[in-house]
Structure formats: C-alpha cells, structure tokens
Protein backbone atom coordinates (compact mmCIF):
# COMPACT_ATOMS: atom_id res chain seq x y z
CA MET A 1 -47.21 -116.98 -22.60
CA ASN A 2 -43.33 -117.95 -22.22
CA LEU A 3 -42.01 -117.18 -18.90
CA PRO A 4 -38.35 -116.23 -18.76
CA ASN A 5 -36.02 -119.39 -18.15
CA LEU A 6 -34.45 -118.28 -15.00
CA THR A 7 -32.29 -120.70 -12.75
CA SER A 8 -31.01 -120.78 -9.35
CA ALA A 9 -27.60 -119.49 -10.97
CA ASP A 10 -29.62 -116.25 -11.69
CA PHE A 11 -30.50 -115.54 -8.16
CA LEU A 12 -27.05 -116.32 -6.50
CA PRO A 13 -25.49 -112.83 -7.10
CA LEU A 14 -28.74 -111.49 -5.34
CA LEU A 15 -27.71 -113.22 -2.02
CA PRO A 16 -26.06 -110.20 -0.38
CA THR A 17 -29.07 -107.88 -1.27
CA ILE A 18 -31.56 -110.64 -0.14
CA ILE A 19 -29.74 -110.96 3.19
CA LEU A 20 -29.58 -107.09 3.75
CA VAL A 21 -33.31 -106.75 2.75
CA VAL A 22 -34.26 -109.58 5.07
CA GLY A 23 -32.35 -107.98 7.81
CA ALA A 24 -33.96 -104.67 7.19
CA CYS A 25 -37.49 -106.18 7.30
CA ILE A 26 -36.73 -107.76 10.77
CA LEU A 27 -35.57 -104.65 12.22
CA LEU A 28 -38.80 -102.77 10.92
CA LEU A 29 -41.01 -105.61 12.21
CA SER A 30 -39.18 -105.71 15.55
CA GLU A 31 -40.34 -102.17 16.38
CA VAL A 32 -44.00 -103.35 16.50
CA PHE A 33 -43.12 -105.01 19.68
CA LEU A 34 -41.31 -102.38 21.45
CA THR A 35 -42.32 -99.42 23.57
CA PRO A 36 -40.71 -96.00 23.74
CA THR A 37 -38.88 -97.08 26.81
CA SER A 38 -37.78 -100.48 25.38
CA SER A 39 -34.08 -101.17 25.12
CA ARG A 40 -32.78 -101.05 21.30
CA GLY A 41 -29.32 -101.95 21.78
CA TYR A 42 -29.61 -105.19 19.86
CA GLN A 43 -30.63 -103.32 16.56
CA ALA A 44 -27.16 -101.93 15.69
CA VAL A 45 -25.73 -105.42 16.53
CA LEU A 46 -28.21 -107.02 14.36
CA ALA A 47 -27.61 -104.65 11.46
CA ALA A 48 -23.92 -105.13 11.81
CA ILE A 49 -24.17 -109.09 11.86
CA THR A 50 -26.41 -108.95 8.82
CA SER A 51 -23.97 -106.80 6.98
CA ALA A 52 -21.05 -109.01 8.07
CA PHE A 53 -22.86 -112.08 6.81
CA ALA A 54 -23.68 -110.48 3.39
CA GLY A 55 -20.04 -109.43 3.07
CA LEU A 56 -18.95 -113.03 3.66
CA VAL A 57 -21.36 -114.12 0.86
CA SER A 58 -20.02 -111.58 -1.30
CA ILE A 59 -16.34 -112.72 -0.95
CA ASN A 60 -17.38 -116.08 -2.04
CA LEU A 61 -19.01 -114.66 -5.01
CA LEU A 62 -15.76 -113.21 -6.03
CA PHE A 63 -14.57 -116.58 -7.39
CA GLU A 64 -17.75 -117.53 -9.11
CA PRO A 65 -17.47 -117.64 -13.01
CA ALA A 66 -18.07 -114.26 -14.71
CA ARG A 67 -21.51 -114.35 -16.48
CA GLU A 68 -24.61 -112.62 -17.14
CA VAL A 69 -27.74 -113.07 -15.13
CA PHE A 70 -31.43 -112.40 -15.47
CA LEU A 71 -31.50 -112.44 -19.24
CA GLY A 72 -28.53 -110.01 -19.32
CA PHE A 73 -30.16 -107.35 -17.13
CA GLY A 74 -27.37 -108.21 -14.51
CA ALA A 75 -23.80 -109.18 -14.41
CA LEU A 76 -22.00 -111.25 -11.92
CA ASP A 77 -18.17 -110.51 -12.02
CA PRO A 78 -15.42 -109.83 -9.59
CA PHE A 79 -16.18 -106.05 -10.07
CA SER A 80 -19.81 -106.32 -8.86
CA SER A 81 -18.81 -108.74 -6.08
CA PHE A 82 -16.05 -106.61 -4.84
CA LEU A 83 -18.47 -103.69 -4.74
CA SER A 84 -20.85 -105.60 -2.55
CA PHE A 85 -17.98 -106.50 -0.08
CA ILE A 86 -17.02 -102.85 0.03
CA VAL A 87 -20.69 -101.80 0.78
CA CYS A 88 -20.92 -104.39 3.50
CA VAL A 89 -17.85 -103.15 5.01
CA SER A 90 -19.02 -99.84 5.18
CA LEU A 91 -22.32 -100.74 6.44
CA VAL A 92 -20.78 -102.80 9.25
CA LEU A 93 -18.69 -99.81 10.35
CA ALA A 94 -21.46 -97.25 10.07
CA THR A 95 -23.99 -99.18 11.92
CA LEU A 96 -21.65 -99.97 14.82
CA THR A 97 -20.95 -96.29 15.17
CA SER A 98 -24.65 -95.25 14.84
CA ALA A 99 -25.49 -96.70 18.19
CA ALA A 100 -23.95 -94.29 20.61
CA PHE A 101 -24.71 -91.30 18.32
CA LEU A 102 -28.41 -92.10 18.32
CA ARG A 103 -28.67 -93.01 21.75
CA LYS A 104 -27.33 -89.78 22.90
CA ARG A 105 -29.99 -87.93 20.99
CA GLY A 106 -32.83 -90.20 22.04
CA ALA A 107 -33.37 -91.20 18.27
CA GLU A 108 -32.38 -94.95 18.14
CA ARG A 109 -35.16 -96.67 16.06
CA GLY A 110 -35.11 -99.84 14.01
CA GLU A 111 -36.03 -97.79 11.02
CA PHE A 112 -32.71 -95.94 10.92
CA TYR A 113 -30.85 -99.25 10.69
CA ALA A 114 -33.55 -100.75 8.19
CA LEU A 115 -32.88 -97.63 5.89
CA MET A 116 -29.17 -98.21 6.12
CA LEU A 117 -29.63 -101.84 5.05
CA PHE A 118 -32.04 -100.65 2.28
CA ALA A 119 -29.46 -98.41 0.86
CA GLY A 120 -26.78 -100.86 1.07
CA ALA A 121 -28.98 -103.31 -0.87
CA GLY A 122 -29.72 -100.62 -3.48
CA MET A 123 -25.79 -100.04 -3.70
CA SER A 124 -25.05 -103.82 -4.19
CA LEU A 125 -27.69 -104.19 -6.97
CA LEU A 126 -26.24 -101.23 -8.74
CA GLY A 127 -22.97 -102.86 -9.07
CA LEU A 128 -24.78 -105.85 -10.54
CA SER A 129 -26.82 -103.77 -13.20
CA ASN A 130 -26.08 -104.56 -16.73
CA GLU A 131 -29.12 -102.53 -18.26
CA LEU A 132 -29.64 -98.74 -18.32
CA ILE A 133 -33.23 -98.87 -16.76
CA THR A 134 -32.31 -101.36 -14.02
CA LEU A 135 -29.27 -99.08 -13.26
CA PHE A 136 -31.63 -96.08 -12.88
CA ILE A 137 -34.07 -98.03 -10.69
CA ASN A 138 -31.40 -99.19 -8.44
CA ILE A 139 -29.88 -95.62 -8.19
CA GLU A 140 -33.35 -94.47 -6.89
CA VAL A 141 -33.46 -97.27 -4.45
CA LEU A 142 -30.23 -96.26 -2.73
CA SER A 143 -31.02 -92.61 -3.21
CA ILE A 144 -34.47 -92.59 -1.63
CA ALA A 145 -33.13 -94.35 1.40
CA THR A 146 -30.29 -91.80 1.77
CA TYR A 147 -32.64 -89.06 1.48
CA ALA A 148 -34.52 -90.10 4.41
CA LEU A 149 -31.37 -90.87 6.22
CA THR A 150 -29.96 -87.49 5.71
CA SER A 151 -33.14 -85.78 7.27
CA TYR A 152 -33.50 -88.64 9.89
CA LEU A 153 -32.86 -86.17 12.82
CA ARG A 154 -35.68 -83.75 12.22
CA ARG A 155 -34.77 -81.43 14.93
CA GLY A 156 -33.22 -78.08 13.70
CA THR A 157 -32.71 -76.60 10.39
CA ARG A 158 -29.63 -78.32 9.32
CA PRO A 159 -30.74 -81.92 8.62
CA SER A 160 -34.05 -80.57 7.00
CA GLU A 161 -31.89 -78.28 4.83
CA ALA A 162 -29.59 -81.07 3.90
CA GLY A 163 -32.34 -83.37 3.10
CA PHE A 164 -33.93 -80.93 0.89
CA LYS A 165 -30.93 -79.86 -0.97
CA TYR A 166 -30.00 -83.54 -1.51
CA PHE A 167 -33.31 -84.49 -2.67
CA ILE A 168 -33.73 -81.54 -5.32
CA LEU A 169 -30.33 -82.06 -6.60
CA GLY A 170 -30.45 -85.75 -6.59
CA ALA A 171 -33.65 -85.70 -8.42
CA PHE A 172 -32.27 -83.39 -10.99
CA SER A 173 -29.30 -85.56 -11.57
CA SER A 174 -31.32 -88.68 -11.81
CA ALA A 175 -33.45 -86.82 -14.45
CA VAL A 176 -30.31 -85.88 -16.42
CA LEU A 177 -29.10 -89.58 -16.12
CA LEU A 178 -32.27 -90.76 -17.31
CA TYR A 179 -32.48 -88.43 -20.16
CA GLY A 180 -29.10 -89.27 -21.23
CA SER A 181 -30.05 -93.13 -21.22
CA ALA A 182 -33.15 -92.38 -23.41
CA LEU A 183 -30.85 -90.78 -25.79
CA LEU A 184 -28.58 -93.57 -26.02
CA TYR A 185 -31.78 -95.92 -26.37
CA GLY A 186 -32.85 -93.77 -29.21
CA ALA A 187 -29.53 -94.15 -31.02
CA THR A 188 -29.22 -97.94 -30.43
CA GLY A 189 -32.60 -99.45 -29.86
CA THR A 190 -31.38 -101.33 -26.76
CA THR A 191 -30.84 -100.64 -23.02
CA LEU A 192 -28.84 -103.69 -22.42
CA LEU A 193 -25.15 -102.77 -22.07
CA SER A 194 -23.87 -106.20 -23.40
CA ASP A 195 -25.97 -105.43 -26.69
CA MET A 196 -25.06 -102.00 -27.19
CA VAL A 197 -21.55 -101.95 -28.58
CA GLN A 198 -22.36 -102.85 -32.38
CA PRO A 199 -25.46 -100.46 -32.44
CA LEU A 200 -23.27 -97.65 -30.95
CA ARG A 201 -20.67 -98.12 -33.83
CA ALA A 202 -23.50 -98.34 -36.34
CA ALA A 203 -25.11 -95.17 -34.87
CA MET A 204 -21.94 -93.23 -35.11
CA GLY A 205 -22.51 -92.99 -38.93
CA ASN A 206 -25.75 -91.03 -38.83
CA ASN A 207 -26.62 -90.42 -35.24
CA ALA A 208 -23.37 -89.46 -33.85
CA ALA A 209 -24.70 -86.28 -32.16
CA LEU A 210 -27.47 -88.33 -30.38
CA VAL A 211 -24.91 -90.67 -29.05
CA TYR A 212 -22.56 -87.96 -27.83
CA ALA A 213 -25.23 -86.04 -26.19
CA GLY A 214 -26.55 -89.09 -24.34
CA ALA A 215 -22.96 -89.98 -23.33
CA VAL A 216 -22.36 -86.65 -22.00
CA LEU A 217 -25.73 -86.45 -19.98
CA VAL A 218 -25.13 -89.94 -18.64
CA ALA A 219 -21.60 -88.79 -17.42
CA ALA A 220 -23.16 -85.67 -15.93
CA GLY A 221 -25.61 -87.61 -13.94
CA PHE A 222 -22.85 -89.94 -12.57
CA ALA A 223 -20.63 -86.86 -12.00
CA PHE A 224 -23.13 -85.75 -9.41
CA LYS A 225 -23.40 -89.00 -7.54
CA VAL A 226 -19.63 -89.16 -7.17
CA ALA A 227 -19.31 -85.45 -6.09
CA ALA A 228 -17.20 -84.46 -9.07
CA VAL A 229 -16.45 -80.78 -9.75
CA PRO A 230 -18.53 -78.88 -10.89
CA PHE A 231 -21.35 -81.11 -9.80
CA HIS A 232 -20.19 -81.14 -6.16
CA MET A 233 -22.06 -78.16 -4.75
CA TRP A 234 -24.50 -80.26 -2.58
CA THR A 235 -21.69 -82.23 -0.74
CA PRO A 236 -20.46 -79.94 2.00
CA ASP A 237 -23.99 -78.86 3.18
CA VAL A 238 -25.43 -82.55 3.02
CA TYR A 239 -22.44 -84.04 4.61
CA GLU A 240 -22.46 -81.53 7.48
CA GLY A 241 -26.25 -81.57 8.04
CA ALA A 242 -26.85 -85.47 7.84
CA PRO A 243 -26.08 -87.57 10.98
CA THR A 244 -22.47 -88.33 11.04
CA PRO A 245 -22.87 -92.11 10.59
CA VAL A 246 -24.95 -91.42 7.50
CA THR A 247 -22.30 -89.14 6.37
CA ALA A 248 -19.83 -91.92 6.69
CA LEU A 249 -22.03 -94.28 4.68
CA MET A 250 -22.50 -91.77 1.96
CA SER A 251 -18.99 -90.73 1.60
CA ALA A 252 -17.82 -94.58 1.16
CA GLY A 253 -20.67 -96.79 0.13
CA VAL A 254 -22.60 -94.47 -2.28
CA LYS A 255 -19.39 -93.13 -3.89
CA ALA A 256 -18.19 -96.80 -4.37
CA ALA A 257 -21.41 -98.02 -5.97
CA ALA A 258 -21.59 -94.90 -8.32
CA PHE A 259 -17.88 -95.44 -9.45
CA VAL A 260 -18.56 -99.23 -10.09
CA ALA A 261 -21.77 -98.28 -12.19
CA LEU A 262 -19.80 -95.47 -14.02
CA VAL A 263 -17.08 -97.70 -15.03
CA ARG A 264 -19.48 -100.39 -16.21
CA VAL A 265 -21.58 -98.08 -18.42
CA PHE A 266 -18.60 -96.34 -20.00
CA VAL A 267 -16.48 -99.43 -20.73
CA THR A 268 -19.42 -100.25 -23.21
CA VAL A 269 -19.91 -96.65 -24.43
CA GLY A 270 -16.11 -96.35 -24.79
CA SER A 271 -15.91 -99.39 -26.87
CA GLY A 272 -18.81 -98.39 -29.21
CA ILE A 273 -17.60 -94.81 -29.79
CA ASP A 274 -14.38 -92.95 -30.26
CA ALA A 275 -12.64 -93.35 -26.78
CA LYS A 276 -11.48 -89.92 -26.90
CA LEU A 277 -14.79 -88.72 -25.73
CA PRO A 278 -14.85 -90.43 -22.52
CA PHE A 279 -11.14 -89.91 -21.99
CA ALA A 280 -11.57 -86.00 -22.44
CA ILE A 281 -14.69 -85.92 -20.11
CA PHE A 282 -13.06 -88.00 -17.12
CA SER A 283 -9.66 -86.47 -17.43
CA THR A 284 -11.18 -83.01 -17.07
CA LEU A 285 -13.25 -84.07 -14.29
CA ALA A 286 -10.39 -85.68 -12.61
CA LEU A 287 -8.30 -82.42 -12.94
CA LEU A 288 -11.10 -80.00 -11.78
CA THR A 289 -12.05 -82.40 -8.87
CA MET A 290 -8.54 -82.96 -7.58
CA VAL A 291 -7.69 -79.29 -7.68
CA ALA A 292 -10.74 -77.83 -6.49
CA GLY A 293 -11.51 -80.40 -3.64
CA ASN A 294 -8.00 -79.84 -2.05
CA LEU A 295 -8.04 -76.06 -2.46
CA LEU A 296 -11.59 -75.80 -1.01
CA ALA A 297 -10.52 -78.05 2.06
CA LEU A 298 -7.45 -75.97 2.84
CA PRO A 299 -9.33 -73.03 4.92
CA GLN A 300 -11.96 -75.25 6.60
CA ARG A 301 -11.85 -75.23 10.37
CA ASN A 302 -15.13 -77.38 10.42
CA VAL A 303 -13.65 -80.94 10.32
CA LYS A 304 -16.86 -82.37 8.89
CA ARG A 305 -16.89 -79.83 6.18
CA MET A 306 -13.15 -80.37 5.55
CA LEU A 307 -13.64 -84.08 5.15
CA ALA A 308 -16.64 -83.41 2.73
CA TYR A 309 -14.19 -81.43 0.48
CA SER A 310 -11.68 -84.15 1.04
CA SER A 311 -14.03 -86.85 -0.41
CA ILE A 312 -14.28 -84.58 -3.52
CA ALA A 313 -10.53 -84.54 -3.96
CA HIS A 314 -10.44 -88.56 -3.45
CA ALA A 315 -13.26 -88.73 -6.11
CA GLY A 316 -10.79 -86.86 -8.43
CA TYR A 317 -8.12 -89.35 -7.70
CA LEU A 318 -10.47 -92.13 -8.56
CA LEU A 319 -11.52 -90.31 -11.79
CA LEU A 320 -7.97 -90.34 -12.79
CA GLY A 321 -8.06 -94.14 -12.71
CA VAL A 322 -11.25 -94.17 -14.82
CA ALA A 323 -9.57 -91.76 -17.32
CA ALA A 324 -6.70 -94.21 -17.43
CA LEU A 325 -9.28 -96.80 -18.89
CA PHE A 326 -9.68 -94.80 -22.03
CA SER A 327 -6.21 -93.06 -22.62
CA THR A 328 -4.90 -95.62 -24.94
CA GLN A 329 -7.98 -97.43 -26.45
CA SER A 330 -7.77 -98.08 -30.19
CA GLY A 331 -11.02 -99.39 -31.05
CA GLN A 332 -11.04 -102.99 -29.57
CA GLU A 333 -14.06 -104.10 -27.64
CA PHE A 334 -13.53 -104.49 -24.02
CA ARG A 335 -15.91 -105.92 -21.56
CA LEU A 336 -16.07 -106.61 -17.79
CA LEU A 337 -17.28 -110.04 -18.16
CA GLY A 338 -14.86 -112.68 -18.97
CA THR A 339 -11.95 -114.90 -17.74
CA THR A 340 -9.30 -114.28 -20.50
CA ALA A 341 -5.95 -114.79 -19.11
CA LEU A 342 -3.49 -111.93 -19.10
CA VAL A 343 -0.42 -114.04 -20.01
CA GLY A 344 0.59 -112.75 -23.43
CA ALA A 345 -2.05 -110.19 -23.46
CA SER A 346 -1.36 -106.85 -25.17
CA PRO A 347 -0.04 -103.83 -22.97
CA GLU A 348 -3.33 -101.96 -23.39
CA LEU A 349 -5.41 -104.81 -21.91
CA VAL A 350 -2.79 -105.19 -18.93
CA ALA A 351 -2.96 -101.66 -18.41
CA ARG A 352 -6.80 -101.48 -18.13
CA VAL A 353 -6.91 -104.48 -15.82
CA ASP A 354 -4.34 -102.54 -13.64
CA ALA A 355 -6.55 -99.40 -13.73
CA LEU A 356 -9.49 -101.38 -12.58
CA ARG A 357 -7.85 -103.12 -9.94
CA SER A 358 -6.31 -99.95 -8.64
CA ILE A 359 -9.95 -98.52 -8.49
CA LEU A 360 -11.16 -101.20 -6.44
CA TYR A 361 -8.16 -101.16 -4.11
CA TYR A 362 -8.52 -97.36 -3.63
CA LEU A 363 -12.47 -97.65 -2.89
CA LEU A 364 -11.77 -100.22 -0.18
CA ALA A 365 -8.91 -98.27 1.28
CA TYR A 366 -11.06 -95.03 1.29
CA THR A 367 -13.98 -96.86 2.79
CA VAL A 368 -12.24 -98.13 6.00
CA THR A 369 -10.34 -94.79 6.33
CA ALA A 370 -13.23 -92.38 6.07
CA VAL A 371 -15.86 -94.24 7.86
CA GLY A 372 -13.42 -94.44 10.82
CA ALA A 373 -12.66 -90.76 10.79
CA PHE A 374 -16.22 -89.89 10.83
CA GLY A 375 -16.76 -92.26 13.65
CA ILE A 376 -14.22 -90.24 15.59
CA ILE A 377 -16.16 -87.03 14.82
CA SER A 378 -19.44 -88.70 16.11
CA LEU A 379 -17.93 -89.40 19.38
CA LEU A 380 -16.66 -85.72 19.77
CA GLU A 381 -19.80 -83.80 18.72
CA ARG A 382 -22.75 -82.68 20.92
CA ARG A 383 -26.20 -82.23 19.93
CA GLU A 384 -26.59 -78.72 21.59
CA ASP A 385 -23.79 -77.39 19.58
CA GLU A 386 -24.84 -78.73 16.19
CA GLU A 387 -27.17 -75.89 15.39
CA LYS A 388 -24.56 -73.46 16.27
CA GLY A 389 -22.05 -75.15 13.89
CA THR A 390 -19.57 -75.44 16.72
CA ALA A 391 -19.78 -79.44 17.07
CA TRP A 392 -17.25 -80.02 14.51
CA ASP A 393 -14.63 -77.13 15.11
CA LEU A 394 -10.92 -78.18 15.20
CA GLU A 395 -11.10 -76.97 18.78
CA ARG A 396 -12.91 -80.18 19.54
CA PHE A 397 -9.74 -82.22 18.82
CA SER A 398 -7.43 -79.92 20.97
CA GLY A 399 -5.71 -82.27 23.71
CA LEU A 400 -7.45 -85.38 22.58
CA ALA A 401 -4.19 -87.25 22.77
CA GLN A 402 -4.32 -86.59 26.59
CA ARG A 403 -8.08 -87.32 27.06
CA ARG A 404 -8.47 -90.38 24.79
CA PRO A 405 -5.02 -91.51 23.51
CA GLY A 406 -6.71 -94.51 21.75
CA TRP A 407 -9.05 -92.08 19.77
CA ALA A 408 -6.30 -89.87 19.04
CA PHE A 409 -4.12 -92.51 17.62
CA ALA A 410 -6.87 -93.97 15.48
CA MET A 411 -7.71 -90.36 14.09
CA ALA A 412 -4.14 -89.88 13.33
CA ALA A 413 -3.99 -93.04 11.34
CA PHE A 414 -7.03 -92.00 9.36
CA MET A 415 -5.58 -88.63 8.59
CA LEU A 416 -2.27 -89.89 7.43
CA SER A 417 -3.98 -92.48 5.42
CA LEU A 418 -6.20 -90.03 3.68
CA ALA A 419 -3.11 -87.83 3.16
CA GLY A 420 -1.31 -90.76 1.54
CA ILE A 421 1.59 -91.02 4.10
CA PRO A 422 3.06 -94.42 4.80
CA PRO A 423 2.82 -96.89 6.51
CA THR A 424 -0.98 -96.56 5.98
CA VAL A 425 -3.33 -97.95 3.30
CA GLY A 426 -3.90 -94.71 1.84
CA PHE A 427 -0.16 -94.53 0.69
CA ILE A 428 -0.48 -98.05 -0.92
CA ALA A 429 -3.89 -97.13 -2.57
CA LYS A 430 -2.40 -93.86 -4.06
CA LEU A 431 0.62 -95.51 -5.22
CA ILE A 432 -1.05 -98.22 -7.02
CA LEU A 433 -3.50 -95.85 -8.53
CA PHE A 434 -0.99 -93.24 -9.76
CA ARG A 435 1.34 -96.02 -11.15
CA ALA A 436 -1.74 -97.44 -13.18
CA ALA A 437 -2.17 -93.84 -14.52
CA VAL A 438 1.40 -93.43 -15.44
CA ASP A 439 1.38 -96.80 -17.34
CA ALA A 440 -1.55 -95.45 -19.07
CA GLY A 441 0.42 -92.57 -20.36
CA LEU A 442 -1.20 -89.95 -17.90
CA VAL A 443 2.06 -88.61 -16.71
CA GLY A 444 0.93 -84.89 -16.46
CA LEU A 445 -2.30 -85.59 -14.66
CA THR A 446 -0.49 -87.93 -12.34
CA ILE A 447 2.02 -85.11 -11.28
CA ILE A 448 -1.00 -82.75 -10.63
CA ALA A 449 -2.41 -85.53 -8.72
CA VAL A 450 0.62 -85.93 -6.67
CA LEU A 451 1.09 -82.16 -6.06
CA SER A 452 -2.51 -81.73 -4.86
CA SER A 453 -2.42 -84.75 -2.64
CA ALA A 454 0.77 -83.06 -1.03
CA ALA A 455 -1.23 -79.69 -0.68
CA GLY A 456 -3.98 -81.87 1.05
CA ALA A 457 -1.54 -83.18 3.65
CA TYR A 458 -1.80 -79.79 5.24
CA TYR A 459 -5.44 -79.85 6.49
CA TYR A 460 -4.97 -83.50 7.42
CA LEU A 461 -1.97 -82.98 9.59
CA ARG A 462 -3.42 -79.81 11.08
CA VAL A 463 -5.99 -82.39 12.82
CA VAL A 464 -3.13 -84.32 14.13
CA VAL A 465 -1.32 -81.13 15.43
CA TYR A 466 -4.45 -80.14 17.48
CA MET A 467 -4.77 -83.55 18.83
CA TYR A 468 -1.10 -83.86 20.02
CA MET A 469 0.25 -80.32 20.43
CA ARG A 470 -2.76 -78.22 21.81
CA PRO A 471 -3.76 -78.25 25.41
CA ILE A 472 -7.22 -79.47 26.49
CA PRO A 473 -9.65 -76.55 26.19
CA GLU A 474 -11.27 -75.00 29.14
CA GLY A 475 -14.71 -76.55 29.97
CA ALA A 476 -14.26 -79.53 27.66
CA HIS A 477 -17.18 -82.03 28.24
CA VAL A 478 -16.55 -85.55 29.36
CA LEU A 479 -16.04 -88.09 26.35
CA GLU A 480 -18.14 -91.06 26.71
CA ARG A 481 -17.02 -94.25 25.31
CA ASN A 482 -19.24 -96.99 23.85
CA TRP A 483 -18.12 -100.56 23.08
CA MET A 484 -19.75 -100.76 19.64
CA THR A 485 -18.07 -97.51 18.49
CA ASP A 486 -14.74 -98.53 20.01
CA LEU A 487 -15.04 -101.73 17.99
CA ALA A 488 -15.67 -100.08 14.84
CA LEU A 489 -12.61 -97.77 15.46
CA VAL A 490 -10.42 -100.75 16.23
CA LEU A 491 -11.50 -102.59 13.11
CA SER A 492 -10.88 -99.57 10.89
CA THR A 493 -7.52 -98.74 12.62
CA VAL A 494 -6.12 -102.23 12.24
CA ALA A 495 -7.48 -102.37 8.57
CA VAL A 496 -5.65 -99.00 7.78
CA VAL A 497 -2.35 -99.98 9.29
CA ALA A 498 -2.27 -103.79 8.38
CA MET A 499 -3.07 -103.08 4.68
CA GLY A 500 -0.40 -100.42 4.61
CA ILE A 501 2.25 -102.68 6.17
CA LEU A 502 1.19 -105.82 4.36
CA PRO A 503 -0.56 -104.99 1.15
CA GLY A 504 0.63 -108.15 -0.62
CA PRO A 505 -2.45 -110.40 0.35
CA LEU A 506 -5.02 -107.96 -0.45
CA THR A 507 -3.63 -107.14 -3.91
CA GLU A 508 -3.10 -110.72 -4.74
CA TRP A 509 -6.81 -111.58 -3.61
CA ILE A 510 -7.86 -108.78 -6.15
CA ALA A 511 -5.65 -110.17 -8.73
CA GLN A 512 -6.60 -113.81 -8.32
CA ALA A 513 -10.49 -112.92 -8.18
CA GLY A 514 -10.52 -113.25 -11.82
CA THR A 515 -9.84 -111.28 -14.98
CA LEU A 516 -11.90 -108.15 -15.11
CA PHE A 517 -11.59 -107.34 -18.68
CA SER A 518 -11.67 -109.47 -21.81
CA ARG A 519 -11.80 -108.82 -25.62
C-alpha cells in the first residue's frame, strides 16, 4: 500500500487550526479539575491568548508561497491565510466580551470557550479547503459548534428556538450544498477544485443542465451561510436568541469563512462554464440583499435584530464584490493560487485582484466593527429582560453618554463605521469595494448600493441620537464594567478609527501579501 507523500510543508497551513484545537482541548480538560464554585476567570484569557497566537501565525503564513497542500485537497494562499487572521481577530474580541456576559448569568464554563475555538478551527479549515467534500466537512465542523453555542443558555424559550431554527435550516442548506456538489462531481468526475476546470468545459457540451443545476444548488447553499436574501429568514431570530458574544462571532467569523469558500468554489466554476451564470446569480443576490436588508432594518427598535438585518445588508455589499469577479470574464482560466505579477497584466486581471482585495478589506473592517457593537449590547442587556424581549430595546441606549461616556463613544464609532461615514474604517471599506465594482462595470448596482447604504444611515444614527440626545430613563440599572470587555472595546474602537484615518498600511499589506489571481 502506497502512503501519501506528505511533508512538513503540508502541515504548515494547519498551524492556526492546530493551535485553536489544542487550546480548546486544554479548556475542556481543565473543567475536570474545577468545582462549581471554582474561579473560571482564566478561561476567557486563555481562549483570547490562544486565538491571538493563532492570528500571529496566520500573519506569517500570508507571505508563504502560494501552493496546494495535502495532495490538492487544501490550498495555502493569501486568501486562506487572511481568512484565518480575520477569524482569530473575531475570536479574540468575542471571547473577551464573553467573560462578563457569562459571569452575570452563572454560565461561565470551559466548554463555551472550547466550542468557540472549535468553531474558529472549522472556519480556518474552510478557507483552506480546495475540494468539495473537504469543504462540506469543514462547514459541518463550524456549524455543529455554532449550533451548540446558539442554544448554550438553555434557560427560556428564545435560545432553544434559535438553536432549533438554526439547526433545521442549517441542515437543509448543507444538504442543498452537498447535492449541488454531487451534481458537479457527476458532471466532471472529480471533486478537486484545481482539477475541475477542464472537465467542466468538456461537460458543457452534453451535460450542461447537470453543471448548471449543480452550480445553482451550491450557490444556494452558500447563500444561506452568508444570510443572503431570500435565504435570510433564520438570521433575525437566531441572532436575537443566541448569546450576544456568539452572535458577534456568527456575524463576523462565520460570514467571512463562508464568503472565502464561496469565492474559492466559484472562481473555479466560473472558469469552466459561461461566467454569465455566476454573474447573474450573485448580482441578483446582491441587489435583493442590499435593498431588503436595509429596508427591513429601518423599523426595528430591537437593536440586536436591527444589527441582524444590518448584517444581511453588508452581505449584499460583499456579494457586489463577488459579482464584480464575473462581470467581464471572457473565457480565461483564473485561479486563486499563483504569484503572477500584475505589472503589464490585462485590465480584467487587475480588476479581479482589486475586487478580491476589497472583499478581504471589507471582511476585516466589518469584523472589528460588528463584534465591538455586539460587545456594547452585551454590557447593556440584563438576563431578566431577555425573555420579555426588552433587553435590546433602543431605550437601553438613552443617556448612555452621561452614564458611560467611553461606551457611548465606542458605540458611536461602530455605528458610524457600519453606516460608512468617515473617518471610520467602514467608509474606507465601502469606498474600496464600490470602486472595485465600478471598475468592473457594475455602475448601476453600485449606485443602488450607495443609495441603500445612505438609507441605512438612518437606523445607525438613531442609536447615536438616543445615546447623546435622550435623558437617562427612570429606574435605569447600574452598568457594571469588566476589564476584559473594556479591553475588547478599546481594541475594536482603535481599529475602527485608526484604519479609517490611516488605511494605507493595511491596504499595502494586503497588496504585498501576494497575487491572489493568476492565469
């Protein structure tokens, strides 16, 4: 029996995942030696340090030569490495905000942080996946962990309802994704993305219907994961019912991992079939998601549900970047692996690289902003009000600038960033993304994106108005501080403002990390 010829270079891309899994196992084993009254304050710190260490390793991997690993089942490139970094950033911030949230509810346990790290490991592996079955397995790894995290607080009906809806609809979307993958395998005879382009072109002669059906089903499966309209129905209820730190991780990490996997699959599929199909799919999804997400968020007084619909709208903006990848394709084969220089490259290739880089920048910008916003919400809500649905009402923010000026400033920065108002990173992210879409010829869709973003500014600025222009409500409860949550808010706020004022270092870093496309 011939064993696969694997080297240490094959395991190098797995280092961030290995670090996260080892940290999760340590947290689980530590519970064996603790009693119900033991202090567990170290657990959030350990989870955050583990995530930060994995993030540093991911940064080093950004500058590794792009290559296939594990016999082509995985791919090490700047796209996958940057995803691991984004996931680790979301884990650091989410675990730091979890400590005070869980302690107030008497629910601080090692398995919570372990599940977070396991979910992060699945997200990181998803970015590496270069084969359809491997991709499906990694989706299930992160999904099972997030299902458990969603219903972690078993008291009351909201967490149970959220976990049940997420599980049922998530299982259905995974089945759709797997069925689409099976159809693509039936048409091409392979599940390796790197080997699929030529078989796809050959299958377009006599199995075109099979290829198109498989591509549509795979796109539908991913559309659920990124909460694109009309596959968004689970998002508000799940985001509201899940523990707020878990909602933060889902809105940032899960979305980022799903978008990276979606791009990796459809860059291959789009090179093997007529690019008009993926362009039509993603431009339509972008249009529906941008408009519906903002319109549905406008009447919301529940800030947690408002941010849920907001995350749908931001998925629409990202889908605009994905649509830009296929707007001018003329039959060439494009791949995520490679180090071809852009000097002298065709305008099409340059436009695609710009679109990909804008997606990466937007994902990082949204991560630091959204996790910070949910961190503020976790500080304001009280357990006794959650079942009544009043824990996340806008009135909670009334007079916050007088009670906690630092929190109010941080939340204002987050709201301005989500609205795309300078000098925040959200403005720079939208500017880069919309410019890439215009360069790809999507002028009409970009105008709609700008208009819908302007409409979205209403519900973001309404939160700022309540914080700074409304009096403190009678009977307002005391707002307790926690150093770990405060640290997460400081890190998020600094990132939002600093990357908005000085975007150059980050954009140059992404540009120098390697060419993402080659021919």
